[in-house]
Amino acid sequence: QTDEIHSASDEVPLLICNVLVGNSTGTCYVTHSHILFQTQLLPLLGGSKVHLFSLMDVEVTINAPIKSVLSPLPSSISFTTILGGRKSTREEVYNFIPSIGARRFAKFLEVLRDNA
């Protein structure tokens, strides 16, 4: 599905936070209807990648942290979406760790959805 951002006044960031996506760092911008991620592909060489999601098209799941001395990362968030129009089949489309904490980030998105 293709989303279109209509105007600057229609898409004011309500939340901006840093994210960790795989081995890349980036920034997440949340508006009243979209979530936009801008991540660095290779920090030393430059370049970035952008992902845009409609707030209503993704389901948010909080993933528990892996308990390990070698992996001290906190909880992450997964976005899933319906695959091929079948309601029973969901596919993970994005996974990240927000700097404000997974539970707080998920709660913020829940509040936005409830007020949409």
N, C-alpha and C. Protein backbone atom coordinates (compact mmCIF):
# COMPACT_ATOMS: atom_id res chain seq x y z
N GLN A 1 0.84 -1.17 0.00
CA GLN A 1 0.00 0.00 0.00
C GLN A 1 0.89 1.23 0.00
N THR A 2 0.54 2.22 -0.78
CA THR A 2 1.31 3.44 -0.87
C THR A 2 0.64 4.52 -0.05
N ASP A 3 1.41 5.13 0.83
CA ASP A 3 0.91 6.24 1.63
C ASP A 3 1.47 7.53 1.07
N GLU A 4 0.72 8.58 1.24
CA GLU A 4 1.14 9.87 0.74
C GLU A 4 1.06 10.86 1.88
N ILE A 5 2.10 11.62 2.07
CA ILE A 5 2.07 12.68 3.08
C ILE A 5 1.54 13.92 2.37
N HIS A 6 0.42 14.45 2.86
CA HIS A 6 -0.29 15.50 2.14
C HIS A 6 0.33 16.88 2.25
N SER A 7 0.63 17.33 3.44
CA SER A 7 1.22 18.65 3.59
C SER A 7 2.00 18.71 4.89
N ALA A 8 2.83 19.72 4.99
CA ALA A 8 3.66 19.86 6.20
C ALA A 8 2.79 20.05 7.44
N SER A 9 1.71 20.80 7.33
CA SER A 9 0.86 21.04 8.50
C SER A 9 0.07 19.80 8.89
N ASP A 10 -0.11 18.89 7.93
CA ASP A 10 -0.85 17.65 8.18
C ASP A 10 0.02 16.60 8.87
N GLU A 11 1.32 16.75 8.80
CA GLU A 11 2.23 15.72 9.30
C GLU A 11 3.28 16.29 10.26
N VAL A 12 2.85 16.97 11.27
CA VAL A 12 3.76 17.53 12.27
C VAL A 12 4.23 16.41 13.19
N PRO A 13 5.54 16.24 13.38
CA PRO A 13 6.02 15.19 14.30
C PRO A 13 5.55 15.44 15.72
N LEU A 14 4.89 14.44 16.29
CA LEU A 14 4.46 14.51 17.68
C LEU A 14 5.47 13.87 18.61
N LEU A 15 6.30 12.99 18.04
CA LEU A 15 7.35 12.32 18.80
C LEU A 15 8.54 12.11 17.88
N ILE A 16 9.72 12.44 18.37
CA ILE A 16 10.97 12.17 17.66
C ILE A 16 11.88 11.46 18.64
N CYS A 17 12.37 10.27 18.25
CA CYS A 17 13.29 9.55 19.14
C CYS A 17 14.32 8.79 18.31
N ASN A 18 15.42 8.48 18.93
CA ASN A 18 16.46 7.68 18.28
C ASN A 18 16.06 6.21 18.33
N VAL A 19 16.52 5.47 17.32
CA VAL A 19 16.21 4.04 17.25
C VAL A 19 17.45 3.26 16.85
N LEU A 20 17.44 1.99 17.21
CA LEU A 20 18.45 1.03 16.78
C LEU A 20 17.72 0.00 15.93
N VAL A 21 18.12 -0.13 14.66
CA VAL A 21 17.50 -1.06 13.72
C VAL A 21 18.60 -1.99 13.23
N GLY A 22 18.61 -3.23 13.74
CA GLY A 22 19.71 -4.13 13.40
C GLY A 22 21.02 -3.55 13.90
N ASN A 23 21.97 -3.34 13.00
CA ASN A 23 23.25 -2.73 13.37
C ASN A 23 23.30 -1.25 13.01
N SER A 24 22.18 -0.67 12.62
CA SER A 24 22.13 0.73 12.20
C SER A 24 21.42 1.58 13.24
N THR A 25 21.81 2.83 13.30
CA THR A 25 21.13 3.78 14.16
C THR A 25 20.30 4.70 13.29
N GLY A 26 19.34 5.35 13.89
CA GLY A 26 18.50 6.26 13.11
C GLY A 26 17.58 7.06 13.99
N THR A 27 16.62 7.69 13.33
CA THR A 27 15.65 8.54 14.00
C THR A 27 14.26 8.12 13.56
N CYS A 28 13.34 8.15 14.51
CA CYS A 28 11.93 7.82 14.25
C CYS A 28 11.11 9.08 14.46
N TYR A 29 10.24 9.37 13.50
CA TYR A 29 9.32 10.51 13.58
C TYR A 29 7.90 9.94 13.57
N VAL A 30 7.11 10.30 14.58
CA VAL A 30 5.73 9.83 14.66
C VAL A 30 4.80 11.03 14.53
N THR A 31 3.89 10.96 13.54
CA THR A 31 2.87 11.99 13.37
C THR A 31 1.54 11.38 13.78
N HIS A 32 0.45 12.11 13.59
CA HIS A 32 -0.86 11.56 14.00
C HIS A 32 -1.30 10.39 13.14
N SER A 33 -0.67 10.18 11.97
CA SER A 33 -1.11 9.07 11.12
C SER A 33 0.02 8.24 10.51
N HIS A 34 1.28 8.64 10.70
CA HIS A 34 2.40 7.92 10.10
C HIS A 34 3.56 7.74 11.07
N ILE A 35 4.36 6.73 10.77
CA ILE A 35 5.62 6.50 11.50
C ILE A 35 6.70 6.44 10.43
N LEU A 36 7.70 7.31 10.55
CA LEU A 36 8.77 7.38 9.57
C LEU A 36 10.10 7.09 10.25
N PHE A 37 10.87 6.17 9.66
CA PHE A 37 12.19 5.84 10.16
C PHE A 37 13.23 6.28 9.15
N GLN A 38 14.25 6.97 9.62
CA GLN A 38 15.39 7.32 8.78
C GLN A 38 16.62 6.73 9.45
N THR A 39 17.22 5.73 8.79
CA THR A 39 18.37 5.04 9.37
C THR A 39 19.59 5.23 8.49
N GLN A 40 20.76 5.20 9.11
CA GLN A 40 22.03 5.31 8.39
C GLN A 40 22.43 3.94 7.90
N LEU A 41 22.77 3.84 6.62
CA LEU A 41 23.21 2.56 6.07
C LEU A 41 24.63 2.24 6.52
N LEU A 42 25.56 3.13 6.23
CA LEU A 42 26.95 2.99 6.65
C LEU A 42 27.37 4.31 7.28
N PRO A 43 27.40 4.36 8.61
CA PRO A 43 27.66 5.63 9.29
C PRO A 43 28.91 6.37 8.82
N LEU A 44 29.98 5.66 8.48
CA LEU A 44 31.21 6.33 8.07
C LEU A 44 31.14 6.86 6.64
N LEU A 45 30.39 6.19 5.78
CA LEU A 45 30.33 6.58 4.38
C LEU A 45 29.11 7.43 4.03
N GLY A 46 28.19 7.54 4.94
CA GLY A 46 26.98 8.31 4.67
C GLY A 46 25.91 7.44 4.03
N GLY A 47 24.84 8.07 3.63
CA GLY A 47 23.72 7.35 3.04
C GLY A 47 22.70 6.98 4.10
N SER A 48 21.46 7.01 3.71
CA SER A 48 20.40 6.67 4.66
C SER A 48 19.28 5.93 3.95
N LYS A 49 18.44 5.30 4.75
CA LYS A 49 17.30 4.56 4.24
C LYS A 49 16.06 5.05 4.99
N VAL A 50 14.95 5.19 4.28
CA VAL A 50 13.72 5.69 4.89
C VAL A 50 12.62 4.64 4.77
N HIS A 51 11.90 4.42 5.86
CA HIS A 51 10.73 3.53 5.87
C HIS A 51 9.55 4.33 6.40
N LEU A 52 8.41 4.24 5.71
CA LEU A 52 7.20 4.95 6.11
C LEU A 52 6.08 3.95 6.32
N PHE A 53 5.41 4.04 7.48
CA PHE A 53 4.31 3.14 7.80
C PHE A 53 3.09 3.97 8.21
N SER A 54 1.93 3.51 7.81
CA SER A 54 0.68 4.11 8.26
C SER A 54 0.39 3.56 9.66
N LEU A 55 0.05 4.43 10.57
CA LEU A 55 -0.21 4.03 11.96
C LEU A 55 -1.32 2.99 12.06
N MET A 56 -2.30 3.07 11.18
CA MET A 56 -3.43 2.15 11.25
C MET A 56 -3.16 0.82 10.55
N ASP A 57 -2.10 0.72 9.76
CA ASP A 57 -1.83 -0.50 9.00
C ASP A 57 -0.89 -1.48 9.71
N VAL A 58 -0.30 -1.06 10.82
CA VAL A 58 0.64 -1.95 11.51
C VAL A 58 0.13 -2.29 12.91
N GLU A 59 0.47 -3.49 13.35
CA GLU A 59 0.19 -3.91 14.72
C GLU A 59 1.51 -3.89 15.47
N VAL A 60 1.49 -3.38 16.69
CA VAL A 60 2.70 -3.21 17.49
C VAL A 60 2.81 -4.35 18.49
N THR A 61 3.99 -4.99 18.51
CA THR A 61 4.27 -6.06 19.46
C THR A 61 5.56 -5.73 20.20
N ILE A 62 5.53 -5.86 21.52
CA ILE A 62 6.74 -5.65 22.33
C ILE A 62 7.42 -7.01 22.50
N ASN A 63 8.69 -7.08 22.11
CA ASN A 63 9.47 -8.32 22.24
C ASN A 63 10.34 -8.23 23.49
N ALA A 64 10.26 -9.22 24.33
CA ALA A 64 11.06 -9.25 25.56
C ALA A 64 12.55 -9.29 25.22
N PRO A 65 13.38 -8.67 26.06
CA PRO A 65 14.81 -8.70 25.79
C PRO A 65 15.38 -10.10 25.97
N ILE A 66 16.44 -10.38 25.24
CA ILE A 66 17.13 -11.65 25.38
C ILE A 66 18.05 -11.54 26.58
N LYS A 67 17.88 -12.43 27.53
CA LYS A 67 18.69 -12.40 28.75
C LYS A 67 20.06 -13.01 28.49
N SER A 68 21.06 -12.15 28.35
CA SER A 68 22.41 -12.60 28.09
C SER A 68 23.40 -11.53 28.51
N VAL A 69 24.52 -11.95 29.02
CA VAL A 69 25.57 -11.00 29.40
C VAL A 69 26.15 -10.35 28.15
N LEU A 70 26.19 -11.08 27.05
CA LEU A 70 26.76 -10.57 25.81
C LEU A 70 25.79 -9.69 25.03
N SER A 71 24.51 -9.73 25.35
CA SER A 71 23.51 -8.94 24.64
C SER A 71 22.66 -8.16 25.64
N PRO A 72 23.16 -7.00 26.10
CA PRO A 72 22.43 -6.24 27.10
C PRO A 72 21.37 -5.30 26.52
N LEU A 73 20.83 -5.62 25.33
CA LEU A 73 19.86 -4.74 24.69
C LEU A 73 18.49 -4.82 25.37
N PRO A 74 17.78 -3.70 25.43
CA PRO A 74 16.44 -3.70 26.04
C PRO A 74 15.39 -4.29 25.09
N SER A 75 14.15 -4.23 25.52
CA SER A 75 13.03 -4.75 24.71
C SER A 75 12.97 -4.05 23.36
N SER A 76 12.52 -4.80 22.35
CA SER A 76 12.37 -4.23 21.02
C SER A 76 10.90 -4.21 20.64
N ILE A 77 10.60 -3.56 19.53
CA ILE A 77 9.24 -3.49 19.01
C ILE A 77 9.23 -4.06 17.61
N SER A 78 8.21 -4.84 17.31
CA SER A 78 7.99 -5.36 15.96
C SER A 78 6.72 -4.76 15.41
N PHE A 79 6.76 -4.40 14.14
CA PHE A 79 5.56 -4.00 13.41
C PHE A 79 5.17 -5.18 12.54
N THR A 80 3.92 -5.59 12.62
CA THR A 80 3.42 -6.64 11.74
C THR A 80 2.25 -6.07 10.95
N THR A 81 2.00 -6.66 9.80
CA THR A 81 0.88 -6.24 8.96
C THR A 81 0.22 -7.46 8.36
N ILE A 82 -1.01 -7.30 7.92
CA ILE A 82 -1.75 -8.40 7.31
C ILE A 82 -1.13 -8.70 5.95
N LEU A 83 -0.88 -9.97 5.71
CA LEU A 83 -0.24 -10.40 4.47
C LEU A 83 -1.28 -10.85 3.46
N GLY A 84 -1.28 -10.20 2.30
CA GLY A 84 -2.14 -10.62 1.20
C GLY A 84 -3.64 -10.54 1.46
N GLY A 85 -4.06 -9.70 2.39
CA GLY A 85 -5.48 -9.52 2.64
C GLY A 85 -6.12 -10.57 3.51
N ARG A 86 -5.38 -11.61 3.90
CA ARG A 86 -5.95 -12.64 4.78
C ARG A 86 -5.70 -12.23 6.22
N LYS A 87 -6.75 -12.11 6.98
CA LYS A 87 -6.64 -11.60 8.34
C LYS A 87 -5.85 -12.51 9.27
N SER A 88 -5.78 -13.80 8.96
CA SER A 88 -5.10 -14.73 9.85
C SER A 88 -3.59 -14.76 9.64
N THR A 89 -3.10 -14.23 8.52
CA THR A 89 -1.68 -14.28 8.22
C THR A 89 -1.05 -12.90 8.42
N ARG A 90 -0.15 -12.82 9.39
CA ARG A 90 0.54 -11.55 9.66
C ARG A 90 2.03 -11.75 9.40
N GLU A 91 2.68 -10.68 8.93
CA GLU A 91 4.09 -10.74 8.62
C GLU A 91 4.81 -9.58 9.31
N GLU A 92 5.96 -9.89 9.92
CA GLU A 92 6.76 -8.83 10.53
C GLU A 92 7.38 -8.00 9.42
N VAL A 93 7.20 -6.68 9.49
CA VAL A 93 7.73 -5.81 8.46
C VAL A 93 8.86 -4.90 8.97
N TYR A 94 8.98 -4.78 10.30
CA TYR A 94 10.03 -3.91 10.84
C TYR A 94 10.26 -4.26 12.30
N ASN A 95 11.50 -4.17 12.75
CA ASN A 95 11.86 -4.46 14.13
C ASN A 95 12.90 -3.43 14.56
N PHE A 96 12.71 -2.81 15.74
CA PHE A 96 13.61 -1.76 16.18
C PHE A 96 13.57 -1.62 17.70
N ILE A 97 14.56 -0.91 18.24
CA ILE A 97 14.62 -0.59 19.66
C ILE A 97 14.55 0.93 19.79
N PRO A 98 13.47 1.47 20.38
CA PRO A 98 13.36 2.92 20.55
C PRO A 98 14.13 3.39 21.79
N SER A 99 14.70 4.59 21.70
CA SER A 99 15.48 5.12 22.82
C SER A 99 14.61 5.44 24.04
N ILE A 100 13.32 5.65 23.84
CA ILE A 100 12.44 6.01 24.97
C ILE A 100 11.88 4.77 25.67
N GLY A 101 12.23 3.59 25.20
CA GLY A 101 11.74 2.36 25.80
C GLY A 101 10.56 1.81 25.01
N ALA A 102 10.52 0.50 24.89
CA ALA A 102 9.51 -0.16 24.05
C ALA A 102 8.09 0.05 24.60
N ARG A 103 7.91 -0.09 25.89
CA ARG A 103 6.57 0.05 26.46
C ARG A 103 6.04 1.47 26.30
N ARG A 104 6.86 2.45 26.56
CA ARG A 104 6.44 3.85 26.44
C ARG A 104 6.11 4.18 24.98
N PHE A 105 6.94 3.69 24.04
CA PHE A 105 6.70 3.94 22.62
C PHE A 105 5.39 3.29 22.19
N ALA A 106 5.16 2.05 22.58
CA ALA A 106 3.94 1.34 22.21
C ALA A 106 2.70 2.02 22.80
N LYS A 107 2.80 2.51 24.03
CA LYS A 107 1.68 3.20 24.67
C LYS A 107 1.37 4.50 23.94
N PHE A 108 2.40 5.21 23.49
CA PHE A 108 2.19 6.45 22.74
C PHE A 108 1.42 6.16 21.44
N LEU A 109 1.82 5.11 20.73
CA LEU A 109 1.13 4.74 19.50
C LEU A 109 -0.32 4.33 19.78
N GLU A 110 -0.53 3.64 20.89
CA GLU A 110 -1.89 3.23 21.28
C GLU A 110 -2.78 4.45 21.52
N VAL A 111 -2.26 5.46 22.19
CA VAL A 111 -3.00 6.68 22.45
C VAL A 111 -3.34 7.39 21.13
N LEU A 112 -2.38 7.44 20.20
CA LEU A 112 -2.65 8.06 18.91
C LEU A 112 -3.75 7.32 18.15
N ARG A 113 -3.70 6.00 18.16
CA ARG A 113 -4.72 5.21 17.46
C ARG A 113 -6.10 5.41 18.07
N ASP A 114 -6.15 5.47 19.39
CA ASP A 114 -7.44 5.65 20.07
C ASP A 114 -8.06 7.00 19.76
N ASN A 115 -7.23 8.00 19.43
CA ASN A 115 -7.73 9.34 19.16
C ASN A 115 -7.80 9.66 17.66
N ALA A 116 -7.55 8.68 16.82
CA ALA A 116 -7.57 8.93 15.37
C ALA A 116 -8.99 8.96 14.84
